[in-house]
Amino acid sequence: MTSRQGGFTFWILLMVLPVLETVARPSILRWAAVAAIAALYVWTARRQSRLALALLVTTSSAAALAFGGSWSFTLTMSAVATGAIVRKWPGVALLVPITGVAVLSAARSGYDGMSIVFSGWGVFVAGLVPWIIVQLWDTIAELRTTRKELARVAVSEERLRFSRDLHDLLGHTLSVMVVKAEVVRRLAPRDGEAAARQAADIEKIGREALTQVRAAVTGYRGRGLDAELASARGALADAGVDLTVRAADTALTPETDALLGWAVREGVTNVIRHSSARTCGIAVRLGEATELEITDDGVGAAKAVGNGLGGLRERVEAAGGRLTAENVPGGGFRLLVNIPEGAGP
């Protein structure tokens, strides 16, 4: 049963008053009305059925007009059911006839004018408040879905940007290197010195291209945490390392998601290459800051940070976070990345 259905079903307790009145003034018709309204209310609550709602409103209206008194609370139940099921604003207009029946029932029961007004107003508000709450729930759910979609689109656009930048960066450079390589091939048999100069140009262009590619990759946001965790499972399994992952299922900002993904990739690479570990643990903890911890039971490291982790540290610190890479007393290595909430490059 969902929380919405649970809160909806709770209001069946209002049937206690008509039941007590029926016990005091028993009749087959009253007991039949009690059973019918209770069954229709539960049906409406569990199935969110518009047919059950229509039957509930009809039956409770007839009972309230026929018996009066505390039977008006069955109209309150019908109003709550209407507010919980109806989504669109025009459907809330169903509260108007329910309110009208409540006013008429109160008048026939001999209530004074103020009591009649309060009876009608109470029934109307009993339906309006659940309707507003349901609208808020639906809006929050839609906003969460939209946020996830925007994050996915942002990551996709970043990957497209990187692909485009890499194409622009290497396209011209590789074309020039191919042309110069053809020149070297033609000059080599008859002019070795000129061919050597062209070869030196190729080497220079290649080194410059490598520097540019490294700079571009440094700005790349990576594949994201989920993708890197999936990749880590396969890579560590192939290396004979048992992996344990403890990660909360929650949406991260694209920047944090990508940064943690990169941290997982670098940490797992170190485990496979240097640790000789048998087990590895990855934990993602959420709080005032997002924290990623990678531990292993290997031999540790001669130096805490290599080139890969050095680049990761720079990026974490650029995002306002902190990276700790250290040997664990008793054996093993620990990588801890702490990123403040909302941080990003």
C-alpha atoms as a PDB file:
ATOM      1  CA  MET A   1       0.000   0.000   0.000  1.00  0.00           C
ATOM      2  CA  THR A   2       1.425   3.397  -0.925  1.00  0.00           C
ATOM      3  CA  SER A   3       1.662   6.289   1.564  1.00  0.00           C
ATOM      4  CA  ARG A   4      -1.038   8.055  -0.419  1.00  0.00           C
ATOM      5  CA  GLN A   5      -3.402   5.084  -0.085  1.00  0.00           C
ATOM      6  CA  GLY A   6      -2.513   4.661   3.604  1.00  0.00           C
ATOM      7  CA  GLY A   7      -3.365   8.270   4.441  1.00  0.00           C
ATOM      8  CA  PHE A   8      -6.536   7.964   2.383  1.00  0.00           C
ATOM      9  CA  THR A   9      -7.716   4.769   4.107  1.00  0.00           C
ATOM     10  CA  PHE A  10      -7.212   6.304   7.558  1.00  0.00           C
ATOM     11  CA  TRP A  11     -10.383   8.369   7.187  1.00  0.00           C
ATOM     12  CA  ILE A  12     -12.558   5.236   7.319  1.00  0.00           C
ATOM     13  CA  LEU A  13     -12.404   5.764  11.089  1.00  0.00           C
ATOM     14  CA  LEU A  14     -15.160   8.364  10.584  1.00  0.00           C
ATOM     15  CA  MET A  15     -17.493   5.391  10.069  1.00  0.00           C
ATOM     16  CA  VAL A  16     -17.340   4.854  13.841  1.00  0.00           C
ATOM     17  CA  LEU A  17     -19.952   7.586  14.377  1.00  0.00           C
ATOM     18  CA  PRO A  18     -22.568   6.189  11.957  1.00  0.00           C
ATOM     19  CA  VAL A  19     -21.894   2.716  13.398  1.00  0.00           C
ATOM     20  CA  LEU A  20     -22.525   3.957  16.957  1.00  0.00           C
ATOM     21  CA  GLU A  21     -25.722   5.625  15.824  1.00  0.00           C
ATOM     22  CA  THR A  22     -26.791   2.420  14.057  1.00  0.00           C
ATOM     23  CA  VAL A  23     -26.096   0.414  17.218  1.00  0.00           C
ATOM     24  CA  ALA A  24     -28.332   2.837  19.125  1.00  0.00           C
ATOM     25  CA  ARG A  25     -31.050   2.747  16.458  1.00  0.00           C
ATOM     26  CA  PRO A  26     -30.556  -0.556  14.637  1.00  0.00           C
ATOM     27  CA  SER A  27     -32.186  -1.365  11.306  1.00  0.00           C
ATOM     28  CA  ILE A  28     -31.351  -3.552   8.356  1.00  0.00           C
ATOM     29  CA  LEU A  29     -31.212  -0.508   6.069  1.00  0.00           C
ATOM     30  CA  ARG A  30     -28.743   1.309   8.296  1.00  0.00           C
ATOM     31  CA  TRP A  31     -26.462  -1.727   8.638  1.00  0.00           C
ATOM     32  CA  ALA A  32     -26.601  -2.243   4.877  1.00  0.00           C
ATOM     33  CA  ALA A  33     -25.585   1.395   4.389  1.00  0.00           C
ATOM     34  CA  VAL A  34     -22.682   0.996   6.836  1.00  0.00           C
ATOM     35  CA  ALA A  35     -21.410  -2.102   5.032  1.00  0.00           C
ATOM     36  CA  ALA A  36     -21.856  -0.586   1.568  1.00  0.00           C
ATOM     37  CA  ILE A  37     -20.142   2.735   2.374  1.00  0.00           C
ATOM     38  CA  ALA A  38     -17.219   1.033   4.186  1.00  0.00           C
ATOM     39  CA  ALA A  39     -16.685  -1.412   1.304  1.00  0.00           C
ATOM     40  CA  LEU A  40     -16.910   1.314  -1.346  1.00  0.00           C
ATOM     41  CA  TYR A  41     -14.485   3.516   0.579  1.00  0.00           C
ATOM     42  CA  VAL A  42     -11.892   0.740   0.895  1.00  0.00           C
ATOM     43  CA  TRP A  43     -12.346  -0.097  -2.793  1.00  0.00           C
ATOM     44  CA  THR A  44     -11.852   3.536  -3.715  1.00  0.00           C
ATOM     45  CA  ALA A  45      -8.790   3.853  -1.469  1.00  0.00           C
ATOM     46  CA  ARG A  46      -7.016   0.726  -2.698  1.00  0.00           C
ATOM     47  CA  ARG A  47      -7.881   0.866  -6.393  1.00  0.00           C
ATOM     48  CA  GLN A  48      -8.102   4.624  -6.917  1.00  0.00           C
ATOM     49  CA  SER A  49     -11.243   3.777  -8.908  1.00  0.00           C
ATOM     50  CA  ARG A  50     -13.457   6.532 -10.307  1.00  0.00           C
ATOM     51  CA  LEU A  51     -16.372   4.075 -10.545  1.00  0.00           C
ATOM     52  CA  ALA A  52     -16.007   3.231  -6.854  1.00  0.00           C
ATOM     53  CA  LEU A  53     -15.820   6.959  -6.091  1.00  0.00           C
ATOM     54  CA  ALA A  54     -19.057   7.648  -7.979  1.00  0.00           C
ATOM     55  CA  LEU A  55     -20.841   4.842  -6.126  1.00  0.00           C
ATOM     56  CA  LEU A  56     -19.407   6.043  -2.808  1.00  0.00           C
ATOM     57  CA  VAL A  57     -20.623   9.622  -3.349  1.00  0.00           C
ATOM     58  CA  THR A  58     -24.084   8.396  -4.383  1.00  0.00           C
ATOM     59  CA  THR A  59     -24.461   5.987  -1.447  1.00  0.00           C
ATOM     60  CA  SER A  60     -23.128   8.391   1.197  1.00  0.00           C
ATOM     61  CA  SER A  61     -25.343  11.212  -0.105  1.00  0.00           C
ATOM     62  CA  ALA A  62     -28.420   8.992   0.056  1.00  0.00           C
ATOM     63  CA  ALA A  63     -27.530   7.810   3.581  1.00  0.00           C
ATOM     64  CA  ALA A  64     -26.852  11.343   4.852  1.00  0.00           C
ATOM     65  CA  LEU A  65     -30.184  12.602   3.495  1.00  0.00           C
ATOM     66  CA  ALA A  66     -32.087   9.548   4.747  1.00  0.00           C
ATOM     67  CA  PHE A  67     -30.635   9.241   8.248  1.00  0.00           C
ATOM     68  CA  GLY A  68     -29.119  12.692   8.989  1.00  0.00           C
ATOM     69  CA  GLY A  69     -27.119  13.279  12.175  1.00  0.00           C
ATOM     70  CA  SER A  70     -23.667  11.679  12.236  1.00  0.00           C
ATOM     71  CA  TRP A  71     -24.218  10.142   8.789  1.00  0.00           C
ATOM     72  CA  SER A  72     -23.004  13.467   7.400  1.00  0.00           C
ATOM     73  CA  PHE A  73     -19.486  12.206   8.202  1.00  0.00           C
ATOM     74  CA  THR A  74     -19.845   9.759   5.326  1.00  0.00           C
ATOM     75  CA  LEU A  75     -19.977  12.855   3.086  1.00  0.00           C
ATOM     76  CA  THR A  76     -16.668  13.958   4.639  1.00  0.00           C
ATOM     77  CA  MET A  77     -15.215  10.585   3.622  1.00  0.00           C
ATOM     78  CA  SER A  78     -16.571  11.041   0.083  1.00  0.00           C
ATOM     79  CA  ALA A  79     -15.007  14.515  -0.090  1.00  0.00           C
ATOM     80  CA  VAL A  80     -11.622  13.179   1.054  1.00  0.00           C
ATOM     81  CA  ALA A  81     -11.812  10.413  -1.565  1.00  0.00           C
ATOM     82  CA  THR A  82     -12.688  12.946  -4.260  1.00  0.00           C
ATOM     83  CA  GLY A  83      -9.743  15.193  -3.362  1.00  0.00           C
ATOM     84  CA  ALA A  84      -7.336  12.240  -3.297  1.00  0.00           C
ATOM     85  CA  ILE A  85      -8.365  10.737  -6.648  1.00  0.00           C
ATOM     86  CA  VAL A  86      -9.300  13.673  -8.870  1.00  0.00           C
ATOM     87  CA  ARG A  87      -6.264  15.240 -10.582  1.00  0.00           C
ATOM     88  CA  LYS A  88      -7.595  18.028 -12.790  1.00  0.00           C
ATOM     89  CA  TRP A  89      -9.152  21.192 -11.432  1.00  0.00           C
ATOM     90  CA  PRO A  90     -12.572  20.737 -13.155  1.00  0.00           C
ATOM     91  CA  GLY A  91     -12.982  17.413 -11.354  1.00  0.00           C
ATOM     92  CA  VAL A  92     -12.839  19.185  -7.995  1.00  0.00           C
ATOM     93  CA  ALA A  93     -16.226  20.668  -8.925  1.00  0.00           C
ATOM     94  CA  LEU A  94     -17.625  17.364  -7.644  1.00  0.00           C
ATOM     95  CA  LEU A  95     -17.051  18.773  -4.163  1.00  0.00           C
ATOM     96  CA  VAL A  96     -19.807  21.345  -4.787  1.00  0.00           C
ATOM     97  CA  PRO A  97     -22.744  18.876  -4.933  1.00  0.00           C
ATOM     98  CA  ILE A  98     -21.231  16.903  -2.028  1.00  0.00           C
ATOM     99  CA  THR A  99     -21.107  20.136  -0.033  1.00  0.00           C
ATOM    100  CA  GLY A 100     -24.673  20.919  -1.079  1.00  0.00           C
ATOM    101  CA  VAL A 101     -25.860  17.538   0.201  1.00  0.00           C
ATOM    102  CA  ALA A 102     -24.056  18.188   3.502  1.00  0.00           C
ATOM    103  CA  VAL A 103     -25.801  21.548   3.870  1.00  0.00           C
ATOM    104  CA  LEU A 104     -29.168  20.008   3.047  1.00  0.00           C
ATOM    105  CA  SER A 105     -28.599  17.115   5.459  1.00  0.00           C
ATOM    106  CA  ALA A 106     -27.656  19.521   8.264  1.00  0.00           C
ATOM    107  CA  ALA A 107     -30.734  21.637   7.577  1.00  0.00           C
ATOM    108  CA  ARG A 108     -33.025  18.584   7.659  1.00  0.00           C
ATOM    109  CA  SER A 109     -31.426  17.534  10.952  1.00  0.00           C
ATOM    110  CA  GLY A 110     -32.563  20.822  12.528  1.00  0.00           C
ATOM    111  CA  TYR A 111     -29.146  22.491  12.880  1.00  0.00           C
ATOM    112  CA  ASP A 112     -28.996  26.256  13.309  1.00  0.00           C
ATOM    113  CA  GLY A 113     -27.680  28.491  10.530  1.00  0.00           C
ATOM    114  CA  MET A 114     -24.078  28.665  11.738  1.00  0.00           C
ATOM    115  CA  SER A 115     -23.915  24.877  12.228  1.00  0.00           C
ATOM    116  CA  ILE A 116     -25.248  24.371   8.707  1.00  0.00           C
ATOM    117  CA  VAL A 117     -22.544  26.651   7.302  1.00  0.00           C
ATOM    118  CA  PHE A 118     -19.816  24.882   9.265  1.00  0.00           C
ATOM    119  CA  SER A 119     -21.088  21.476   8.100  1.00  0.00           C
ATOM    120  CA  GLY A 120     -20.894  22.492   4.450  1.00  0.00           C
ATOM    121  CA  TRP A 121     -17.544  24.252   4.852  1.00  0.00           C
ATOM    122  CA  GLY A 122     -16.018  21.289   6.715  1.00  0.00           C
ATOM    123  CA  VAL A 123     -16.983  18.866   3.961  1.00  0.00           C
ATOM    124  CA  PHE A 124     -15.664  21.157   1.236  1.00  0.00           C
ATOM    125  CA  VAL A 125     -12.309  21.733   2.991  1.00  0.00           C
ATOM    126  CA  ALA A 126     -12.028  17.997   3.743  1.00  0.00           C
ATOM    127  CA  GLY A 127     -11.948  17.423  -0.015  1.00  0.00           C
ATOM    128  CA  LEU A 128      -9.938  20.488  -1.025  1.00  0.00           C
ATOM    129  CA  VAL A 129      -6.962  19.867   1.293  1.00  0.00           C
ATOM    130  CA  PRO A 130      -6.221  16.324   0.017  1.00  0.00           C
ATOM    131  CA  TRP A 131      -6.517  17.592  -3.553  1.00  0.00           C
ATOM    132  CA  ILE A 132      -3.900  20.294  -2.873  1.00  0.00           C
ATOM    133  CA  ILE A 133      -1.604  17.769  -1.164  1.00  0.00           C
ATOM    134  CA  VAL A 134      -1.868  15.339  -4.079  1.00  0.00           C
ATOM    135  CA  GLN A 135      -1.070  18.149  -6.526  1.00  0.00           C
ATOM    136  CA  LEU A 136       2.054  18.964  -4.513  1.00  0.00           C
ATOM    137  CA  TRP A 137       3.114  15.288  -4.512  1.00  0.00           C
ATOM    138  CA  ASP A 138       2.660  15.091  -8.266  1.00  0.00           C
ATOM    139  CA  THR A 139       4.578  18.331  -8.794  1.00  0.00           C
ATOM    140  CA  ILE A 140       7.483  17.150  -6.604  1.00  0.00           C
ATOM    141  CA  ALA A 141       7.631  13.827  -8.464  1.00  0.00           C
ATOM    142  CA  GLU A 142       7.651  15.657 -11.791  1.00  0.00           C
ATOM    143  CA  LEU A 143      10.412  18.000 -10.633  1.00  0.00           C
ATOM    144  CA  ARG A 144      12.544  15.041  -9.525  1.00  0.00           C
ATOM    145  CA  THR A 145      12.056  13.359 -12.879  1.00  0.00           C
ATOM    146  CA  THR A 146      12.904  16.593 -14.674  1.00  0.00           C
ATOM    147  CA  ARG A 147      16.034  17.052 -12.583  1.00  0.00           C
ATOM    148  CA  LYS A 148      17.268  13.561 -13.444  1.00  0.00           C
ATOM    149  CA  GLU A 149      16.557  14.144 -17.123  1.00  0.00           C
ATOM    150  CA  LEU A 150      18.369  17.494 -17.096  1.00  0.00           C
ATOM    151  CA  ALA A 151      21.372  15.856 -15.441  1.00  0.00           C
ATOM    152  CA  ARG A 152      21.396  13.115 -18.074  1.00  0.00           C
ATOM    153  CA  VAL A 153      21.119  15.657 -20.892  1.00  0.00           C
ATOM    154  CA  ALA A 154      23.897  17.760 -19.369  1.00  0.00           C
ATOM    155  CA  VAL A 155      26.241  14.751 -19.294  1.00  0.00           C
ATOM    156  CA  SER A 156      25.301  13.821 -22.876  1.00  0.00           C
ATOM    157  CA  GLU A 157      25.948  17.362 -24.078  1.00  0.00           C
ATOM    158  CA  GLU A 158      29.310  17.372 -22.306  1.00  0.00           C
ATOM    159  CA  ARG A 159      30.311  14.155 -24.043  1.00  0.00           C
ATOM    160  CA  LEU A 160      29.217  15.570 -27.380  1.00  0.00           C
ATOM    161  CA  ARG A 161      31.220  18.723 -26.718  1.00  0.00           C
ATOM    162  CA  PHE A 162      34.293  16.684 -25.873  1.00  0.00           C
ATOM    163  CA  SER A 163      33.935  14.558 -29.005  1.00  0.00           C
ATOM    164  CA  ARG A 164      33.552  17.650 -31.132  1.00  0.00           C
ATOM    165  CA  ASP A 165      36.529  19.378 -29.512  1.00  0.00           C
ATOM    166  CA  LEU A 166      38.699  16.292 -29.923  1.00  0.00           C
ATOM    167  CA  HIS A 167      37.728  16.001 -33.574  1.00  0.00           C
ATOM    168  CA  ASP A 168      38.548  19.661 -34.198  1.00  0.00           C
ATOM    169  CA  LEU A 169      41.791  19.334 -32.277  1.00  0.00           C
ATOM    170  CA  LEU A 170      43.145  16.254 -34.012  1.00  0.00           C
ATOM    171  CA  GLY A 171      41.628  16.552 -37.482  1.00  0.00           C
ATOM    172  CA  HIS A 172      43.933  19.262 -38.784  1.00  0.00           C
ATOM    173  CA  THR A 173      46.992  18.032 -36.863  1.00  0.00           C
ATOM    174  CA  LEU A 174      46.749  14.481 -38.195  1.00  0.00           C
ATOM    175  CA  SER A 175      46.197  15.753 -41.734  1.00  0.00           C
ATOM    176  CA  VAL A 176      49.406  17.808 -41.532  1.00  0.00           C
ATOM    177  CA  MET A 177      51.339  14.837 -40.120  1.00  0.00           C
ATOM    178  CA  VAL A 178      50.133  12.592 -42.961  1.00  0.00           C
ATOM    179  CA  VAL A 179      51.226  15.152 -45.558  1.00  0.00           C
ATOM    180  CA  LYS A 180      54.644  15.540 -43.956  1.00  0.00           C
ATOM    181  CA  ALA A 181      55.041  11.766 -43.700  1.00  0.00           C
ATOM    182  CA  GLU A 182      54.441  11.518 -47.458  1.00  0.00           C
ATOM    183  CA  VAL A 183      57.117  14.182 -48.003  1.00  0.00           C
ATOM    184  CA  VAL A 184      59.555  12.201 -45.836  1.00  0.00           C
ATOM    185  CA  ARG A 185      58.846   9.074 -47.875  1.00  0.00           C
ATOM    186  CA  ARG A 186      59.584  10.903 -51.155  1.00  0.00           C
ATOM    187  CA  LEU A 187      62.701  12.725 -49.887  1.00  0.00           C
ATOM    188  CA  ALA A 188      64.317   9.850 -48.011  1.00  0.00           C
ATOM    189  CA  PRO A 189      65.903   8.131 -51.081  1.00  0.00           C
ATOM    190  CA  ARG A 190      67.514  11.319 -52.505  1.00  0.00           C
ATOM    191  CA  ASP A 191      67.781  13.940 -49.716  1.00  0.00           C
ATOM    192  CA  GLY A 192      68.226  12.474 -46.265  1.00  0.00           C
ATOM    193  CA  GLU A 193      68.863  15.839 -44.601  1.00  0.00           C
ATOM    194  CA  ALA A 194      65.589  17.349 -45.886  1.00  0.00           C
ATOM    195  CA  ALA A 195      63.733  14.189 -44.915  1.00  0.00           C
ATOM    196  CA  ALA A 196      65.195  14.451 -41.401  1.00  0.00           C
ATOM    197  CA  ARG A 197      63.940  18.033 -41.086  1.00  0.00           C
ATOM    198  CA  GLN A 198      60.451  16.944 -42.142  1.00  0.00           C
ATOM    199  CA  ALA A 199      60.595  14.068 -39.654  1.00  0.00           C
ATOM    200  CA  ALA A 200      61.598  16.522 -36.910  1.00  0.00           C
ATOM    201  CA  ASP A 201      58.551  18.632 -37.832  1.00  0.00           C
ATOM    202  CA  ILE A 202      56.347  15.538 -37.513  1.00  0.00           C
ATOM    203  CA  GLU A 203      57.792  14.849 -34.063  1.00  0.00           C
ATOM    204  CA  LYS A 204      57.212  18.456 -32.986  1.00  0.00           C
ATOM    205  CA  ILE A 205      53.634  18.482 -34.265  1.00  0.00           C
ATOM    206  CA  GLY A 206      52.962  15.141 -32.567  1.00  0.00           C
ATOM    207  CA  ARG A 207      54.245  16.389 -29.225  1.00  0.00           C
ATOM    208  CA  GLU A 208      52.152  19.529 -29.471  1.00  0.00           C
ATOM    209  CA  ALA A 209      49.084  17.459 -30.343  1.00  0.00           C
ATOM    210  CA  LEU A 210      49.732  15.168 -27.361  1.00  0.00           C
ATOM    211  CA  THR A 211      49.913  18.192 -25.046  1.00  0.00           C
ATOM    212  CA  GLN A 212      46.683  19.577 -26.445  1.00  0.00           C
ATOM    213  CA  VAL A 213      44.899  16.237 -26.084  1.00  0.00           C
ATOM    214  CA  ARG A 214      46.019  15.933 -22.458  1.00  0.00           C
ATOM    215  CA  ALA A 215      44.712  19.435 -21.775  1.00  0.00           C
ATOM    216  CA  ALA A 216      41.389  18.554 -23.380  1.00  0.00           C
ATOM    217  CA  VAL A 217      41.081  15.319 -21.425  1.00  0.00           C
ATOM    218  CA  THR A 218      41.847  17.180 -18.192  1.00  0.00           C
ATOM    219  CA  GLY A 219      38.699  19.217 -18.809  1.00  0.00           C
ATOM    220  CA  TYR A 220      36.576  16.215 -19.650  1.00  0.00           C
ATOM    221  CA  ARG A 221      33.940  15.260 -17.098  1.00  0.00           C
ATOM    222  CA  GLY A 222      34.092  11.499 -17.480  1.00  0.00           C
ATOM    223  CA  ARG A 223      31.400   8.826 -17.760  1.00  0.00           C
ATOM    224  CA  GLY A 224      29.745   9.247 -14.388  1.00  0.00           C
ATOM    225  CA  LEU A 225      29.673   7.269 -11.156  1.00  0.00           C
ATOM    226  CA  ASP A 226      27.239   4.496 -12.140  1.00  0.00           C
ATOM    227  CA  ALA A 227      29.091   3.711 -15.366  1.00  0.00           C
ATOM    228  CA  GLU A 228      32.466   3.625 -13.603  1.00  0.00           C
ATOM    229  CA  LEU A 229      31.127   1.399 -10.817  1.00  0.00           C
ATOM    230  CA  ALA A 230      29.819  -1.032 -13.425  1.00  0.00           C
ATOM    231  CA  SER A 231      33.185  -0.965 -15.188  1.00  0.00           C
ATOM    232  CA  ALA A 232      35.010  -1.459 -11.874  1.00  0.00           C
ATOM    233  CA  ARG A 233      33.005  -4.605 -11.119  1.00  0.00           C
ATOM    234  CA  GLY A 234      34.083  -6.203 -14.357  1.00  0.00           C
ATOM    235  CA  ALA A 235      37.700  -5.084 -14.186  1.00  0.00           C
ATOM    236  CA  LEU A 236      38.225  -6.192 -10.580  1.00  0.00           C
ATOM    237  CA  ALA A 237      36.485  -9.514 -11.214  1.00  0.00           C
ATOM    238  CA  ASP A 238      38.844 -10.164 -14.123  1.00  0.00           C
ATOM    239  CA  ALA A 239      41.778  -9.334 -11.832  1.00  0.00           C
ATOM    240  CA  GLY A 240      40.542 -11.765  -9.155  1.00  0.00           C
ATOM    241  CA  VAL A 241      39.641  -9.031  -6.657  1.00  0.00           C
ATOM    242  CA  ASP A 242      36.383  -9.290  -4.696  1.00  0.00           C
ATOM    243  CA  LEU A 243      34.500  -5.971  -4.762  1.00  0.00           C
ATOM    244  CA  THR A 244      31.967  -4.683  -2.236  1.00  0.00           C
ATOM    245  CA  VAL A 245      29.991  -1.553  -3.131  1.00  0.00           C
ATOM    246  CA  ARG A 246      27.926   0.498  -0.682  1.00  0.00           C
ATOM    247  CA  ALA A 247      26.376   3.409  -2.547  1.00  0.00           C
ATOM    248  CA  ALA A 248      23.143   5.298  -1.875  1.00  0.00           C
ATOM    249  CA  ASP A 249      20.742   5.469  -4.825  1.00  0.00           C
ATOM    250  CA  THR A 250      20.391   9.221  -5.245  1.00  0.00           C
ATOM    251  CA  ALA A 251      20.765  11.885  -7.876  1.00  0.00           C
ATOM    252  CA  LEU A 252      24.068  13.786  -7.896  1.00  0.00           C
ATOM    253  CA  THR A 253      24.865  16.975  -9.743  1.00  0.00           C
ATOM    254  CA  PRO A 254      26.520  16.269 -13.128  1.00  0.00           C
ATOM    255  CA  GLU A 255      29.813  17.749 -11.885  1.00  0.00           C
ATOM    256  CA  THR A 256      29.898  15.655  -8.708  1.00  0.00           C
ATOM    257  CA  ASP A 257      28.750  12.538 -10.570  1.00  0.00           C
ATOM    258  CA  ALA A 258      31.535  12.889 -13.130  1.00  0.00           C
ATOM    259  CA  LEU A 259      34.193  13.711 -10.539  1.00  0.00           C
ATOM    260  CA  LEU A 260      33.335  10.677  -8.430  1.00  0.00           C
ATOM    261  CA  GLY A 261      33.315   8.558 -11.575  1.00  0.00           C
ATOM    262  CA  TRP A 262      36.836   9.688 -12.373  1.00  0.00           C
ATOM    263  CA  ALA A 263      37.899   8.973  -8.786  1.00  0.00           C
ATOM    264  CA  VAL A 264      36.520   5.427  -9.036  1.00  0.00           C
ATOM    265  CA  ARG A 265      38.383   4.869 -12.310  1.00  0.00           C
ATOM    266  CA  GLU A 266      41.712   6.100 -10.905  1.00  0.00           C
ATOM    267  CA  GLY A 267      41.287   4.266  -7.603  1.00  0.00           C
ATOM    268  CA  VAL A 268      40.384   0.952  -9.220  1.00  0.00           C
ATOM    269  CA  THR A 269      43.265   1.301 -11.688  1.00  0.00           C
ATOM    270  CA  ASN A 270      45.681   1.621  -8.764  1.00  0.00           C
ATOM    271  CA  VAL A 271      44.155  -1.411  -7.032  1.00  0.00           C
ATOM    272  CA  ILE A 272      44.609  -3.562 -10.132  1.00  0.00           C
ATOM    273  CA  ARG A 273      48.118  -2.373 -11.047  1.00  0.00           C
ATOM    274  CA  HIS A 274      49.862  -1.869  -7.736  1.00  0.00           C
ATOM    275  CA  SER A 275      48.048  -3.343  -4.729  1.00  0.00           C
ATOM    276  CA  SER A 276      48.098  -7.167  -5.162  1.00  0.00           C
ATOM    277  CA  ALA A 277      44.843  -6.968  -3.202  1.00  0.00           C
ATOM    278  CA  ARG A 278      42.301  -9.755  -2.726  1.00  0.00           C
ATOM    279  CA  THR A 279      39.401  -7.522  -1.706  1.00  0.00           C
ATOM    280  CA  CYS A 280      38.327  -3.972  -2.467  1.00  0.00           C
ATOM    281  CA  GLY A 281      35.552  -1.833  -1.000  1.00  0.00           C
ATOM    282  CA  ILE A 282      33.870   1.233  -2.508  1.00  0.00           C
ATOM    283  CA  ALA A 283      31.515   3.345  -0.390  1.00  0.00           C
ATOM    284  CA  VAL A 284      29.580   6.497  -1.300  1.00  0.00           C
ATOM    285  CA  ARG A 285      28.202   8.454   1.652  1.00  0.00           C
ATOM    286  CA  LEU A 286      25.880  11.440   1.518  1.00  0.00           C
ATOM    287  CA  GLY A 287      25.485  14.222   4.054  1.00  0.00           C
ATOM    288  CA  GLU A 288      26.656  17.799   4.280  1.00  0.00           C
ATOM    289  CA  ALA A 289      29.285  16.640   1.792  1.00  0.00           C
ATOM    290  CA  THR A 290      29.451  13.764  -0.680  1.00  0.00           C
ATOM    291  CA  GLU A 291      32.165  11.282   0.233  1.00  0.00           C
ATOM    292  CA  LEU A 292      33.718   8.467  -1.788  1.00  0.00           C
ATOM    293  CA  GLU A 293      35.994   5.942  -0.120  1.00  0.00           C
ATOM    294  CA  ILE A 294      37.986   3.181  -1.861  1.00  0.00           C
ATOM    295  CA  THR A 295      39.913   0.708   0.284  1.00  0.00           C
ATOM    296  CA  ASP A 296      41.851  -2.493  -0.394  1.00  0.00           C
ATOM    297  CA  ASP A 297      43.765  -5.098   1.592  1.00  0.00           C
ATOM    298  CA  GLY A 298      46.861  -4.996  -0.598  1.00  0.00           C
ATOM    299  CA  VAL A 299      50.464  -4.072   0.009  1.00  0.00           C
ATOM    300  CA  GLY A 300      49.935  -0.322   0.039  1.00  0.00           C
ATOM    301  CA  ALA A 301      51.952   2.123  -2.015  1.00  0.00           C
ATOM    302  CA  ALA A 302      55.557   3.267  -1.867  1.00  0.00           C
ATOM    303  CA  LYS A 303      54.316   6.790  -2.506  1.00  0.00           C
ATOM    304  CA  ALA A 304      50.833   8.018  -1.703  1.00  0.00           C
ATOM    305  CA  VAL A 305      50.077   9.772  -4.984  1.00  0.00           C
ATOM    306  CA  GLY A 306      51.103   8.905  -8.505  1.00  0.00           C
ATOM    307  CA  ASN A 307      50.528  10.846 -11.690  1.00  0.00           C
ATOM    308  CA  GLY A 308      46.918   9.720 -12.086  1.00  0.00           C
ATOM    309  CA  LEU A 309      45.958  10.510  -8.503  1.00  0.00           C
ATOM    310  CA  GLY A 310      47.905  13.769  -8.731  1.00  0.00           C
ATOM    311  CA  GLY A 311      45.660  14.911 -11.572  1.00  0.00           C
ATOM    312  CA  LEU A 312      42.613  13.752  -9.623  1.00  0.00           C
ATOM    313  CA  ARG A 313      43.717  15.716  -6.564  1.00  0.00           C
ATOM    314  CA  GLU A 314      44.025  18.880  -8.642  1.00  0.00           C
ATOM    315  CA  ARG A 315      40.540  18.473  -9.999  1.00  0.00           C
ATOM    316  CA  VAL A 316      39.022  17.660  -6.592  1.00  0.00           C
ATOM    317  CA  GLU A 317      40.641  20.711  -5.043  1.00  0.00           C
ATOM    318  CA  ALA A 318      39.492  22.851  -7.972  1.00  0.00           C
ATOM    319  CA  ALA A 319      35.939  21.763  -7.087  1.00  0.00           C
ATOM    320  CA  GLY A 320      36.456  22.857  -3.476  1.00  0.00           C
ATOM    321  CA  GLY A 321      36.920  19.300  -2.218  1.00  0.00           C
ATOM    322  CA  ARG A 322      39.628  17.297  -0.508  1.00  0.00           C
ATOM    323  CA  LEU A 323      41.452  14.117  -1.492  1.00  0.00           C
ATOM    324  CA  THR A 324      43.250  11.815   0.940  1.00  0.00           C
ATOM    325  CA  ALA A 325      45.400   8.922  -0.332  1.00  0.00           C
ATOM    326  CA  GLU A 326      47.234   6.944   2.297  1.00  0.00           C
ATOM    327  CA  ASN A 327      48.477   3.526   3.354  1.00  0.00           C
ATOM    328  CA  VAL A 328      46.327   1.827   5.984  1.00  0.00           C
ATOM    329  CA  PRO A 329      48.040   0.594   9.191  1.00  0.00           C
ATOM    330  CA  GLY A 330      48.202  -3.170   9.031  1.00  0.00           C
ATOM    331  CA  GLY A 331      48.175  -3.271   5.238  1.00  0.00           C
ATOM    332  CA  GLY A 332      46.162  -1.854   2.411  1.00  0.00           C
ATOM    333  CA  PHE A 333      45.508   1.495   0.802  1.00  0.00           C
ATOM    334  CA  ARG A 334      42.747   4.069   1.260  1.00  0.00           C
ATOM    335  CA  LEU A 335      41.533   6.743  -1.160  1.00  0.00           C
ATOM    336  CA  LEU A 336      39.033   9.266   0.226  1.00  0.00           C
ATOM    337  CA  VAL A 337      37.374  12.005  -1.843  1.00  0.00           C
ATOM    338  CA  ASN A 338      35.241  14.596  -0.045  1.00  0.00           C
ATOM    339  CA  ILE A 339      33.202  17.049  -2.128  1.00  0.00           C
ATOM    340  CA  PRO A 340      31.055  19.795  -0.537  1.00  0.00           C
ATOM    341  CA  GLU A 341      27.387  19.766  -1.558  1.00  0.00           C
ATOM    342  CA  GLY A 342      26.798  21.770  -4.718  1.00  0.00           C
ATOM    343  CA  ALA A 343      30.496  21.888  -5.637  1.00  0.00           C
ATOM    344  CA  GLY A 344      31.540  21.567  -9.212  1.00  0.00           C
ATOM    345  CA  PRO A 345      34.391  22.498 -11.501  1.00  0.00           C
END
